[in-house]
Amino acid sequence: MLFLGAIVEINKLTFNLQELPEGKSERSVELLEEDLNLEVDIRFLGADLDVKFYKTNHFVEVKFHVKAKAGLLCDRSLKPFEKELEGRFQIVFDPNIEEESESEEGAIRHLSANDLRVDISKEVVDTIMLEIPIQKIHPDFFDEEGNPKKFETQTFGTSEDNEENIDPRWSELKKLK
């Protein structure tokens, strides 16, 4: 996963393991615009995060679902627009694993016996960033079915007009063929 230098308020996405009950529990977190800074051309506008915990004596499983809103800049027109983003991720914190692993759907992280907190800020930022489209296109450039409209190029004048106004030096060069 990518970590693109985002700044997150630690308290909102760090959870104290002693406060979590054994078994299943849930938390809801609201991230405000000032809680997160993304890339230069992407403005974070807020998010709602639903976090589900499953705690045992052997591991802690954290599943979250994030619904975020970002302000983007259109690649075609440089017109700003807002985009709804939604993603899910699962993390298992386990003290018995030797090597951490990660995939698109989840990760397994080492949790030392001394750790009293789990921090999911990196995973939340990565989940949001992965939902941002590669081509950021303003909604004005989509048709009724949600497909991108063809990009139209405009030409001014006709090709015949262009041939009449050719520099005489070029016409002499064409004769050399």
N, C-alpha and C. Protein backbone atom coordinates (compact mmCIF):
# COMPACT_ATOMS: atom_id res chain seq x y z
N MET A 1 0.83 -1.18 0.00
CA MET A 1 0.00 0.00 0.00
C MET A 1 0.87 1.25 0.00
N LEU A 2 0.32 2.30 -0.50
CA LEU A 2 1.04 3.57 -0.59
C LEU A 2 0.77 4.41 0.65
N PHE A 3 1.76 5.12 1.13
CA PHE A 3 1.56 6.10 2.18
C PHE A 3 2.10 7.40 1.63
N LEU A 4 1.22 8.33 1.36
CA LEU A 4 1.59 9.52 0.61
C LEU A 4 1.70 10.76 1.50
N GLY A 5 2.33 10.61 2.64
CA GLY A 5 2.62 11.77 3.47
C GLY A 5 1.39 12.42 4.07
N ALA A 6 0.35 11.67 4.34
CA ALA A 6 -0.85 12.25 4.92
C ALA A 6 -0.64 12.51 6.41
N ILE A 7 -1.30 13.54 6.89
CA ILE A 7 -1.23 13.87 8.31
C ILE A 7 -2.57 13.51 8.92
N VAL A 8 -2.55 12.69 9.95
CA VAL A 8 -3.78 12.24 10.58
C VAL A 8 -3.71 12.55 12.06
N GLU A 9 -4.83 13.01 12.62
CA GLU A 9 -4.88 13.19 14.06
C GLU A 9 -4.84 11.82 14.71
N ILE A 10 -3.82 11.55 15.50
CA ILE A 10 -3.55 10.21 16.01
C ILE A 10 -4.69 9.67 16.88
N ASN A 11 -5.28 10.49 17.72
CA ASN A 11 -6.29 10.01 18.65
C ASN A 11 -7.50 9.38 17.97
N LYS A 12 -7.89 9.87 16.81
CA LYS A 12 -9.10 9.38 16.16
C LYS A 12 -8.93 7.99 15.56
N LEU A 13 -7.72 7.64 15.12
CA LEU A 13 -7.52 6.36 14.45
C LEU A 13 -6.58 5.43 15.22
N THR A 14 -6.34 5.74 16.46
CA THR A 14 -5.56 4.87 17.34
C THR A 14 -6.48 4.41 18.45
N PHE A 15 -6.55 3.10 18.67
CA PHE A 15 -7.48 2.54 19.63
C PHE A 15 -6.74 1.83 20.75
N ASN A 16 -7.15 2.09 21.97
CA ASN A 16 -6.55 1.48 23.15
C ASN A 16 -7.10 0.06 23.30
N LEU A 17 -6.23 -0.93 23.31
CA LEU A 17 -6.66 -2.32 23.40
C LEU A 17 -7.31 -2.64 24.74
N GLN A 18 -6.92 -1.95 25.79
CA GLN A 18 -7.51 -2.21 27.10
C GLN A 18 -8.96 -1.76 27.17
N GLU A 19 -9.33 -0.79 26.34
CA GLU A 19 -10.71 -0.30 26.33
C GLU A 19 -11.63 -1.18 25.49
N LEU A 20 -11.06 -2.03 24.65
CA LEU A 20 -11.88 -2.90 23.80
C LEU A 20 -12.31 -4.13 24.60
N PRO A 21 -13.60 -4.46 24.57
CA PRO A 21 -14.05 -5.66 25.27
C PRO A 21 -13.67 -6.93 24.49
N GLU A 22 -13.64 -8.06 25.16
CA GLU A 22 -13.41 -9.34 24.49
C GLU A 22 -14.58 -9.58 23.54
N GLY A 23 -14.29 -10.21 22.40
CA GLY A 23 -15.34 -10.48 21.41
C GLY A 23 -15.51 -9.32 20.46
N LYS A 24 -16.76 -9.14 20.00
CA LYS A 24 -17.05 -8.12 18.99
C LYS A 24 -17.41 -6.79 19.62
N SER A 25 -16.97 -5.72 18.95
CA SER A 25 -17.35 -4.36 19.32
C SER A 25 -17.23 -3.47 18.09
N GLU A 26 -17.85 -2.30 18.17
CA GLU A 26 -17.84 -1.36 17.04
C GLU A 26 -17.57 0.05 17.51
N ARG A 27 -17.02 0.85 16.61
CA ARG A 27 -16.80 2.27 16.85
C ARG A 27 -17.09 3.01 15.54
N SER A 28 -17.57 4.22 15.69
CA SER A 28 -17.76 5.10 14.53
C SER A 28 -16.87 6.32 14.73
N VAL A 29 -16.18 6.70 13.66
CA VAL A 29 -15.26 7.84 13.72
C VAL A 29 -15.62 8.79 12.58
N GLU A 30 -15.70 10.07 12.92
CA GLU A 30 -15.91 11.09 11.89
C GLU A 30 -14.61 11.84 11.70
N LEU A 31 -14.10 11.82 10.47
CA LEU A 31 -12.88 12.56 10.15
C LEU A 31 -13.29 13.86 9.46
N LEU A 32 -12.78 14.96 9.97
CA LEU A 32 -13.08 16.27 9.42
C LEU A 32 -12.02 16.68 8.41
N GLU A 33 -12.31 17.75 7.69
CA GLU A 33 -11.40 18.23 6.64
C GLU A 33 -9.99 18.50 7.16
N GLU A 34 -9.89 19.02 8.38
CA GLU A 34 -8.57 19.36 8.93
C GLU A 34 -7.83 18.15 9.51
N ASP A 35 -8.49 17.00 9.59
CA ASP A 35 -7.86 15.80 10.16
C ASP A 35 -6.92 15.11 9.19
N LEU A 36 -7.02 15.40 7.91
CA LEU A 36 -6.27 14.64 6.92
C LEU A 36 -5.86 15.54 5.77
N ASN A 37 -4.59 15.49 5.38
CA ASN A 37 -4.09 16.21 4.21
C ASN A 37 -3.58 15.19 3.22
N LEU A 38 -4.10 15.24 2.01
CA LEU A 38 -3.69 14.30 0.98
C LEU A 38 -2.71 14.98 0.04
N GLU A 39 -2.59 14.50 -1.19
CA GLU A 39 -1.67 15.08 -2.16
C GLU A 39 -2.03 16.52 -2.49
N VAL A 40 -1.16 17.19 -3.20
CA VAL A 40 -1.31 18.61 -3.51
C VAL A 40 -2.62 18.90 -4.25
N ASP A 41 -2.96 18.10 -5.26
CA ASP A 41 -4.16 18.39 -6.06
C ASP A 41 -5.39 17.65 -5.58
N ILE A 42 -5.34 17.06 -4.38
CA ILE A 42 -6.49 16.34 -3.82
C ILE A 42 -6.79 16.95 -2.45
N ARG A 43 -8.02 17.43 -2.30
CA ARG A 43 -8.42 18.04 -1.03
C ARG A 43 -9.37 17.09 -0.30
N PHE A 44 -9.02 16.73 0.92
CA PHE A 44 -9.85 15.86 1.74
C PHE A 44 -10.99 16.69 2.31
N LEU A 45 -12.25 16.22 2.14
CA LEU A 45 -13.41 16.98 2.58
C LEU A 45 -14.15 16.33 3.75
N GLY A 46 -13.64 15.20 4.25
CA GLY A 46 -14.27 14.54 5.39
C GLY A 46 -14.59 13.09 5.09
N ALA A 47 -14.83 12.32 6.17
CA ALA A 47 -15.14 10.90 6.00
C ALA A 47 -15.87 10.38 7.23
N ASP A 48 -16.64 9.35 7.02
CA ASP A 48 -17.26 8.58 8.10
C ASP A 48 -16.63 7.20 8.06
N LEU A 49 -16.20 6.73 9.21
CA LEU A 49 -15.48 5.47 9.32
C LEU A 49 -16.21 4.58 10.31
N ASP A 50 -16.61 3.39 9.88
CA ASP A 50 -17.21 2.39 10.75
C ASP A 50 -16.16 1.32 10.99
N VAL A 51 -15.79 1.12 12.26
CA VAL A 51 -14.74 0.17 12.62
C VAL A 51 -15.34 -0.94 13.46
N LYS A 52 -15.06 -2.19 13.06
CA LYS A 52 -15.52 -3.36 13.81
C LYS A 52 -14.31 -4.10 14.34
N PHE A 53 -14.36 -4.41 15.62
CA PHE A 53 -13.26 -5.11 16.28
C PHE A 53 -13.71 -6.51 16.68
N TYR A 54 -12.77 -7.44 16.63
CA TYR A 54 -12.98 -8.76 17.21
C TYR A 54 -11.71 -9.08 17.98
N LYS A 55 -11.83 -9.05 19.31
CA LYS A 55 -10.66 -9.20 20.17
C LYS A 55 -10.71 -10.54 20.90
N THR A 56 -9.57 -11.26 20.85
CA THR A 56 -9.41 -12.50 21.61
C THR A 56 -8.11 -12.39 22.40
N ASN A 57 -7.78 -13.43 23.12
CA ASN A 57 -6.50 -13.46 23.85
C ASN A 57 -5.32 -13.62 22.90
N HIS A 58 -5.58 -14.04 21.66
CA HIS A 58 -4.51 -14.35 20.72
C HIS A 58 -4.31 -13.32 19.61
N PHE A 59 -5.34 -12.59 19.26
CA PHE A 59 -5.22 -11.61 18.18
C PHE A 59 -6.33 -10.57 18.29
N VAL A 60 -6.19 -9.50 17.50
CA VAL A 60 -7.23 -8.48 17.37
C VAL A 60 -7.48 -8.28 15.87
N GLU A 61 -8.72 -8.46 15.47
CA GLU A 61 -9.10 -8.25 14.08
C GLU A 61 -9.84 -6.91 13.98
N VAL A 62 -9.42 -6.09 13.01
CA VAL A 62 -10.04 -4.79 12.80
C VAL A 62 -10.52 -4.74 11.35
N LYS A 63 -11.81 -4.52 11.18
CA LYS A 63 -12.38 -4.32 9.85
C LYS A 63 -12.97 -2.92 9.82
N PHE A 64 -12.71 -2.20 8.72
CA PHE A 64 -13.31 -0.88 8.64
C PHE A 64 -13.88 -0.62 7.25
N HIS A 65 -14.87 0.25 7.25
CA HIS A 65 -15.54 0.70 6.03
C HIS A 65 -15.50 2.22 6.08
N VAL A 66 -14.94 2.84 5.05
CA VAL A 66 -14.81 4.30 5.02
C VAL A 66 -15.59 4.86 3.85
N LYS A 67 -16.35 5.93 4.14
CA LYS A 67 -17.04 6.71 3.11
C LYS A 67 -16.47 8.11 3.21
N ALA A 68 -15.77 8.52 2.18
CA ALA A 68 -15.07 9.81 2.21
C ALA A 68 -15.51 10.66 1.03
N LYS A 69 -15.17 11.94 1.12
CA LYS A 69 -15.43 12.87 0.03
C LYS A 69 -14.12 13.63 -0.21
N ALA A 70 -13.76 13.76 -1.50
CA ALA A 70 -12.52 14.47 -1.85
C ALA A 70 -12.81 15.51 -2.92
N GLY A 71 -12.08 16.58 -2.87
CA GLY A 71 -12.15 17.61 -3.90
C GLY A 71 -11.02 17.37 -4.88
N LEU A 72 -11.38 17.17 -6.14
CA LEU A 72 -10.40 16.84 -7.18
C LEU A 72 -10.39 17.92 -8.25
N LEU A 73 -9.38 17.89 -9.09
CA LEU A 73 -9.23 18.81 -10.22
C LEU A 73 -9.32 17.99 -11.50
N CYS A 74 -10.23 18.35 -12.39
CA CYS A 74 -10.43 17.62 -13.64
C CYS A 74 -9.17 17.65 -14.49
N ASP A 75 -8.78 16.49 -15.01
CA ASP A 75 -7.61 16.39 -15.88
C ASP A 75 -7.86 17.03 -17.25
N ARG A 76 -9.12 17.11 -17.68
CA ARG A 76 -9.42 17.68 -18.99
C ARG A 76 -9.59 19.20 -18.95
N SER A 77 -10.32 19.68 -17.95
CA SER A 77 -10.69 21.10 -17.96
C SER A 77 -10.10 21.91 -16.80
N LEU A 78 -9.43 21.24 -15.86
CA LEU A 78 -8.91 21.86 -14.65
C LEU A 78 -10.01 22.48 -13.81
N LYS A 79 -11.23 21.98 -13.99
CA LYS A 79 -12.39 22.44 -13.24
C LYS A 79 -12.49 21.61 -11.95
N PRO A 80 -12.63 22.23 -10.77
CA PRO A 80 -12.72 21.47 -9.53
C PRO A 80 -14.08 20.77 -9.41
N PHE A 81 -14.07 19.59 -8.76
CA PHE A 81 -15.31 18.86 -8.50
C PHE A 81 -15.11 17.98 -7.27
N GLU A 82 -16.23 17.50 -6.72
CA GLU A 82 -16.20 16.64 -5.54
C GLU A 82 -16.52 15.21 -5.95
N LYS A 83 -15.86 14.25 -5.30
CA LYS A 83 -16.04 12.84 -5.61
C LYS A 83 -16.26 12.06 -4.32
N GLU A 84 -17.28 11.21 -4.30
CA GLU A 84 -17.54 10.31 -3.18
C GLU A 84 -16.63 9.10 -3.34
N LEU A 85 -15.97 8.69 -2.25
CA LEU A 85 -15.06 7.55 -2.26
C LEU A 85 -15.51 6.58 -1.18
N GLU A 86 -15.38 5.29 -1.47
CA GLU A 86 -15.81 4.29 -0.50
C GLU A 86 -14.88 3.08 -0.58
N GLY A 87 -14.45 2.58 0.57
CA GLY A 87 -13.56 1.44 0.58
C GLY A 87 -13.63 0.66 1.88
N ARG A 88 -13.11 -0.57 1.83
CA ARG A 88 -13.09 -1.48 2.99
C ARG A 88 -11.70 -2.06 3.14
N PHE A 89 -11.33 -2.41 4.37
CA PHE A 89 -10.05 -3.04 4.62
C PHE A 89 -10.13 -3.81 5.93
N GLN A 90 -9.30 -4.82 6.04
CA GLN A 90 -9.27 -5.67 7.23
C GLN A 90 -7.82 -5.84 7.67
N ILE A 91 -7.59 -5.73 8.99
CA ILE A 91 -6.25 -5.89 9.55
C ILE A 91 -6.34 -6.87 10.71
N VAL A 92 -5.42 -7.81 10.74
CA VAL A 92 -5.31 -8.73 11.88
C VAL A 92 -4.00 -8.40 12.59
N PHE A 93 -4.10 -8.01 13.84
CA PHE A 93 -2.93 -7.75 14.67
C PHE A 93 -2.69 -9.01 15.50
N ASP A 94 -1.54 -9.65 15.28
CA ASP A 94 -1.27 -10.94 15.91
C ASP A 94 0.14 -10.94 16.50
N PRO A 95 0.29 -11.26 17.79
CA PRO A 95 1.62 -11.29 18.38
C PRO A 95 2.45 -12.51 17.97
N ASN A 96 1.81 -13.51 17.40
CA ASN A 96 2.50 -14.76 17.09
C ASN A 96 3.08 -14.83 15.68
N ILE A 97 2.83 -13.84 14.85
CA ILE A 97 3.35 -13.92 13.48
C ILE A 97 4.77 -13.37 13.43
N GLU A 98 5.55 -13.94 12.55
CA GLU A 98 6.94 -13.51 12.38
C GLU A 98 7.06 -12.46 11.28
N GLU A 99 6.31 -12.66 10.20
CA GLU A 99 6.43 -11.80 9.03
C GLU A 99 5.08 -11.18 8.70
N GLU A 100 5.06 -9.86 8.54
CA GLU A 100 3.83 -9.17 8.18
C GLU A 100 3.54 -9.34 6.70
N SER A 101 2.26 -9.31 6.35
CA SER A 101 1.88 -9.41 4.94
C SER A 101 0.71 -8.47 4.68
N GLU A 102 0.51 -8.20 3.37
CA GLU A 102 -0.53 -7.25 3.00
C GLU A 102 -1.03 -7.57 1.60
N SER A 103 -2.34 -7.39 1.38
CA SER A 103 -2.94 -7.55 0.06
C SER A 103 -3.94 -6.40 -0.13
N GLU A 104 -4.68 -6.45 -1.22
CA GLU A 104 -5.66 -5.39 -1.48
C GLU A 104 -6.81 -5.41 -0.48
N GLU A 105 -7.15 -6.59 0.02
CA GLU A 105 -8.29 -6.74 0.92
C GLU A 105 -7.93 -6.61 2.39
N GLY A 106 -6.69 -6.93 2.75
CA GLY A 106 -6.35 -6.91 4.16
C GLY A 106 -4.87 -7.04 4.42
N ALA A 107 -4.54 -7.00 5.73
CA ALA A 107 -3.14 -7.10 6.14
C ALA A 107 -3.05 -7.86 7.45
N ILE A 108 -1.89 -8.45 7.68
CA ILE A 108 -1.57 -9.09 8.94
C ILE A 108 -0.38 -8.35 9.50
N ARG A 109 -0.55 -7.80 10.69
CA ARG A 109 0.48 -7.00 11.33
C ARG A 109 0.91 -7.65 12.63
N HIS A 110 2.19 -7.46 12.96
CA HIS A 110 2.71 -7.96 14.23
C HIS A 110 2.27 -7.03 15.35
N LEU A 111 1.89 -7.58 16.46
CA LEU A 111 1.49 -6.82 17.64
C LEU A 111 2.32 -7.34 18.81
N SER A 112 3.22 -6.52 19.30
CA SER A 112 4.05 -6.99 20.40
C SER A 112 3.22 -7.04 21.69
N ALA A 113 3.67 -7.83 22.64
CA ALA A 113 2.96 -8.00 23.90
C ALA A 113 2.91 -6.69 24.68
N ASN A 114 3.83 -5.77 24.43
CA ASN A 114 3.88 -4.49 25.14
C ASN A 114 2.96 -3.43 24.53
N ASP A 115 2.48 -3.66 23.31
CA ASP A 115 1.62 -2.68 22.66
C ASP A 115 0.26 -2.62 23.33
N LEU A 116 -0.14 -1.42 23.68
CA LEU A 116 -1.45 -1.23 24.28
C LEU A 116 -2.42 -0.55 23.32
N ARG A 117 -1.92 -0.20 22.12
CA ARG A 117 -2.75 0.49 21.14
C ARG A 117 -2.54 -0.10 19.74
N VAL A 118 -3.57 0.05 18.91
CA VAL A 118 -3.45 -0.28 17.49
C VAL A 118 -3.78 0.98 16.70
N ASP A 119 -2.97 1.25 15.71
CA ASP A 119 -3.12 2.45 14.89
C ASP A 119 -3.48 2.01 13.47
N ILE A 120 -4.61 2.50 12.97
CA ILE A 120 -5.05 2.13 11.62
C ILE A 120 -4.99 3.32 10.66
N SER A 121 -4.31 4.39 11.05
CA SER A 121 -4.30 5.61 10.23
C SER A 121 -3.69 5.37 8.84
N LYS A 122 -2.59 4.65 8.76
CA LYS A 122 -1.95 4.39 7.47
C LYS A 122 -2.89 3.64 6.54
N GLU A 123 -3.57 2.64 7.07
CA GLU A 123 -4.48 1.83 6.26
C GLU A 123 -5.69 2.64 5.80
N VAL A 124 -6.19 3.54 6.65
CA VAL A 124 -7.33 4.37 6.27
C VAL A 124 -6.93 5.32 5.13
N VAL A 125 -5.78 5.96 5.27
CA VAL A 125 -5.30 6.86 4.22
C VAL A 125 -5.10 6.10 2.91
N ASP A 126 -4.47 4.93 2.99
CA ASP A 126 -4.22 4.14 1.78
C ASP A 126 -5.53 3.72 1.12
N THR A 127 -6.52 3.34 1.91
CA THR A 127 -7.81 2.92 1.36
C THR A 127 -8.48 4.07 0.63
N ILE A 128 -8.43 5.26 1.20
CA ILE A 128 -9.01 6.44 0.55
C ILE A 128 -8.25 6.75 -0.74
N MET A 129 -6.93 6.76 -0.68
CA MET A 129 -6.12 7.11 -1.85
C MET A 129 -6.31 6.11 -2.99
N LEU A 130 -6.50 4.84 -2.67
CA LEU A 130 -6.70 3.84 -3.72
C LEU A 130 -8.05 3.98 -4.42
N GLU A 131 -8.98 4.67 -3.82
CA GLU A 131 -10.30 4.87 -4.43
C GLU A 131 -10.34 6.10 -5.35
N ILE A 132 -9.31 6.91 -5.33
CA ILE A 132 -9.26 8.08 -6.21
C ILE A 132 -8.92 7.60 -7.62
N PRO A 133 -9.75 7.96 -8.60
CA PRO A 133 -9.50 7.47 -9.96
C PRO A 133 -8.20 8.00 -10.54
N ILE A 134 -7.60 7.20 -11.42
CA ILE A 134 -6.37 7.62 -12.08
C ILE A 134 -6.64 8.82 -12.97
N GLN A 135 -7.72 8.72 -13.76
CA GLN A 135 -8.13 9.86 -14.58
C GLN A 135 -9.25 10.58 -13.84
N LYS A 136 -8.95 11.77 -13.38
CA LYS A 136 -9.94 12.55 -12.64
C LYS A 136 -10.72 13.38 -13.65
N ILE A 137 -11.94 12.94 -13.94
CA ILE A 137 -12.75 13.60 -14.97
C ILE A 137 -14.00 14.19 -14.32
N HIS A 138 -14.25 15.46 -14.59
CA HIS A 138 -15.42 16.18 -14.06
C HIS A 138 -16.70 15.48 -14.52
N PRO A 139 -17.73 15.44 -13.67
CA PRO A 139 -19.00 14.80 -14.07
C PRO A 139 -19.63 15.38 -15.33
N ASP A 140 -19.30 16.62 -15.71
CA ASP A 140 -19.83 17.22 -16.94
C ASP A 140 -19.37 16.45 -18.18
N PHE A 141 -18.28 15.70 -18.08
CA PHE A 141 -17.73 14.98 -19.23
C PHE A 141 -18.21 13.53 -19.31
N PHE A 142 -19.29 13.20 -18.59
CA PHE A 142 -19.88 11.86 -18.67
C PHE A 142 -21.27 11.97 -19.30
N ASP A 143 -21.65 10.94 -20.08
CA ASP A 143 -22.98 10.93 -20.68
C ASP A 143 -24.01 10.40 -19.68
N GLU A 144 -25.26 10.21 -20.14
CA GLU A 144 -26.35 9.78 -19.27
C GLU A 144 -26.12 8.40 -18.66
N GLU A 145 -25.39 7.53 -19.34
CA GLU A 145 -25.13 6.17 -18.85
C GLU A 145 -23.88 6.09 -17.97
N GLY A 146 -23.19 7.21 -17.77
CA GLY A 146 -22.00 7.22 -16.93
C GLY A 146 -20.71 6.93 -17.68
N ASN A 147 -20.77 6.89 -18.99
CA ASN A 147 -19.57 6.66 -19.80
C ASN A 147 -18.92 8.00 -20.16
N PRO A 148 -17.60 8.04 -20.21
CA PRO A 148 -16.93 9.31 -20.58
C PRO A 148 -17.29 9.72 -22.01
N LYS A 149 -17.58 11.01 -22.17
CA LYS A 149 -17.85 11.53 -23.52
C LYS A 149 -16.54 11.60 -24.28
N LYS A 150 -16.63 11.45 -25.60
CA LYS A 150 -15.42 11.55 -26.42
C LYS A 150 -14.91 12.98 -26.36
N PHE A 151 -13.61 13.08 -26.28
CA PHE A 151 -12.98 14.39 -26.22
C PHE A 151 -12.95 14.95 -27.64
N GLU A 152 -13.55 16.11 -27.81
CA GLU A 152 -13.63 16.71 -29.14
C GLU A 152 -12.51 17.72 -29.34
N THR A 153 -11.90 17.65 -30.51
CA THR A 153 -10.90 18.65 -30.86
C THR A 153 -11.52 19.58 -31.89
N GLN A 154 -11.15 20.80 -31.85
CA GLN A 154 -11.70 21.78 -32.78
C GLN A 154 -10.61 22.23 -33.73
N THR A 155 -11.00 22.39 -35.01
CA THR A 155 -10.07 22.94 -36.00
C THR A 155 -10.67 24.24 -36.51
N PHE A 156 -9.83 25.13 -36.81
CA PHE A 156 -10.27 26.43 -37.30
C PHE A 156 -9.84 26.57 -38.75
N GLY A 157 -10.79 26.91 -39.61
CA GLY A 157 -10.50 27.02 -41.03
C GLY A 157 -10.53 25.64 -41.68
N THR A 158 -10.27 25.59 -42.97
CA THR A 158 -10.25 24.32 -43.68
C THR A 158 -8.83 24.01 -44.10
N SER A 159 -8.61 22.78 -44.49
CA SER A 159 -7.27 22.39 -44.92
C SER A 159 -6.91 23.10 -46.23
N GLU A 160 -7.92 23.44 -47.05
CA GLU A 160 -7.65 24.16 -48.29
C GLU A 160 -7.10 25.56 -48.00
N ASP A 161 -7.68 26.20 -46.95
CA ASP A 161 -7.20 27.53 -46.58
C ASP A 161 -5.74 27.47 -46.19
N ASN A 162 -5.36 26.41 -45.50
CA ASN A 162 -3.99 26.28 -45.04
C ASN A 162 -3.02 26.11 -46.21
N GLU A 163 -3.45 25.42 -47.26
CA GLU A 163 -2.56 25.19 -48.41
C GLU A 163 -2.34 26.48 -49.19
N GLU A 164 -3.34 27.34 -49.23
CA GLU A 164 -3.20 28.59 -49.97
C GLU A 164 -2.23 29.55 -49.28
N ASN A 165 -2.12 29.46 -47.99
CA ASN A 165 -1.29 30.40 -47.24
C ASN A 165 0.08 29.83 -46.90
N ILE A 166 0.55 28.91 -47.72
CA ILE A 166 1.85 28.31 -47.46
C ILE A 166 2.94 29.30 -47.82
N ASP A 167 3.94 29.35 -47.00
CA ASP A 167 5.11 30.19 -47.24
C ASP A 167 5.72 29.76 -48.58
N PRO A 168 6.05 30.68 -49.48
CA PRO A 168 6.58 30.32 -50.80
C PRO A 168 7.86 29.49 -50.71
N ARG A 169 8.60 29.64 -49.65
CA ARG A 169 9.83 28.84 -49.51
C ARG A 169 9.50 27.36 -49.36
N TRP A 170 8.38 27.06 -48.68
CA TRP A 170 7.97 25.66 -48.52
C TRP A 170 7.52 25.09 -49.85
N SER A 171 6.81 25.89 -50.64
CA SER A 171 6.34 25.39 -51.94
C SER A 171 7.52 25.05 -52.84
N GLU A 172 8.60 25.82 -52.75
CA GLU A 172 9.80 25.52 -53.53
C GLU A 172 10.44 24.20 -53.05
N LEU A 173 10.40 23.96 -51.75
CA LEU A 173 10.94 22.72 -51.20
C LEU A 173 10.12 21.51 -51.64
N LYS A 174 8.79 21.67 -51.76
CA LYS A 174 7.93 20.57 -52.18
C LYS A 174 8.27 20.14 -53.62
N LYS A 175 8.72 21.09 -54.43
CA LYS A 175 9.06 20.78 -55.81
C LYS A 175 10.29 19.87 -55.89
N LEU A 176 11.12 19.86 -54.87
CA LEU A 176 12.34 19.05 -54.88
C LEU A 176 12.07 17.56 -54.74
N LYS A 177 10.89 17.14 -54.40
CA LYS A 177 10.58 15.73 -54.19
C LYS A 177 10.84 14.91 -55.40
